[in-house]
Amino acid sequence: MEKVCPVCNALITVTALCPRCGLRLADGGAVENFLGPYSPYMEVNSLQRGGADTQCVHLLYCPHCGYDVRAAWELVTV
């Protein structure tokens, strides 16, 4: 059995709302895929999955007002 991200694998849908304008946030994908695991502009800890590879951190953004935030999902066994 392997552990996978439920968002990356379309097992769940992101339903978060933008705190600025109230519209639905879009999933920009896993942060480590978006920025790269060794981005020189961010701390390495902010790009890696949570403790012992138990979480996948995604960039959520509002296509209307530009707000963005990171959100983590626990990996699930499939």
Protein backbone atom coordinates (compact mmCIF):
# COMPACT_ATOMS: atom_id res chain seq x y z
CA MET A 1 0.00 0.00 0.00
CA GLU A 2 1.14 3.49 -0.71
CA LYS A 3 0.32 6.90 0.77
CA VAL A 4 -0.98 9.56 -1.61
CA CYS A 5 -2.34 13.06 -1.40
CA PRO A 6 -6.14 13.06 -1.62
CA VAL A 7 -6.16 16.40 -3.46
CA CYS A 8 -3.45 15.53 -6.00
CA ASN A 9 -5.26 12.26 -6.74
CA ALA A 10 -8.77 13.80 -6.98
CA LEU A 11 -10.07 11.84 -4.00
CA ILE A 12 -11.41 15.08 -2.49
CA THR A 13 -12.24 18.52 -3.87
CA VAL A 14 -10.94 21.79 -2.45
CA THR A 15 -13.91 23.82 -1.21
CA ALA A 16 -12.17 26.65 0.67
CA LEU A 17 -13.45 30.20 0.21
CA CYS A 18 -11.39 33.36 -0.17
CA PRO A 19 -11.44 35.42 3.05
CA ARG A 20 -11.18 38.65 1.01
CA CYS A 21 -13.89 38.30 -1.61
CA GLY A 22 -15.75 35.11 -0.68
CA LEU A 23 -15.23 33.29 -3.99
CA ARG A 24 -13.96 29.71 -4.13
CA LEU A 25 -10.17 29.25 -3.98
CA ALA A 26 -8.49 27.37 -6.82
CA ASP A 27 -5.90 24.65 -6.21
CA GLY A 28 -2.53 25.63 -7.65
CA GLY A 29 -1.09 22.18 -6.96
CA ALA A 30 1.47 20.86 -4.52
CA VAL A 31 3.90 23.57 -3.43
CA GLU A 32 6.90 21.30 -3.97
CA ASN A 33 5.84 20.84 -7.63
CA PHE A 34 5.01 24.52 -8.10
CA LEU A 35 8.21 26.00 -6.66
CA GLY A 36 10.63 23.08 -6.66
CA PRO A 37 12.04 21.37 -3.58
CA TYR A 38 15.22 23.50 -3.51
CA SER A 39 13.90 26.94 -4.32
CA PRO A 40 16.56 29.47 -3.32
CA TYR A 41 13.92 32.00 -2.29
CA MET A 42 12.16 30.00 0.47
CA GLU A 43 13.14 27.98 3.49
CA VAL A 44 13.41 24.28 2.71
CA ASN A 45 10.97 23.39 5.52
CA SER A 46 8.19 25.43 3.91
CA LEU A 47 8.48 23.42 0.69
CA GLN A 48 8.62 19.90 2.09
CA ARG A 49 5.76 17.72 3.13
CA GLY A 50 4.90 17.68 6.82
CA GLY A 51 6.50 15.50 9.46
CA ALA A 52 7.82 12.23 8.04
CA ASP A 53 6.02 12.64 4.71
CA THR A 54 2.54 12.63 6.21
CA GLN A 55 1.18 15.78 4.54
CA CYS A 56 1.03 17.40 1.11
CA VAL A 57 1.08 21.20 1.08
CA HIS A 58 -0.85 22.92 -1.72
CA LEU A 59 -0.98 26.51 -2.93
CA LEU A 60 -4.57 27.75 -2.94
CA TYR A 61 -5.29 31.03 -4.72
CA CYS A 62 -8.21 33.25 -5.62
CA PRO A 63 -8.42 33.86 -9.38
CA HIS A 64 -10.54 36.96 -8.71
CA CYS A 65 -8.58 39.01 -6.15
CA GLY A 66 -5.17 37.27 -6.12
CA TYR A 67 -5.23 36.11 -2.47
CA ASP A 68 -3.13 32.99 -1.85
CA VAL A 69 -2.48 30.65 1.04
CA ARG A 70 -0.86 27.27 1.69
CA ALA A 71 -2.97 24.38 2.98
CA ALA A 72 -1.87 20.90 4.05
CA TRP A 73 -3.71 17.63 3.60
CA GLU A 74 -2.89 14.39 5.37
CA LEU A 75 -1.75 11.62 3.04
CA VAL A 76 -4.11 8.63 2.79
CA THR A 77 -3.34 4.96 2.21
CA VAL A 78 -4.64 3.45 -1.05
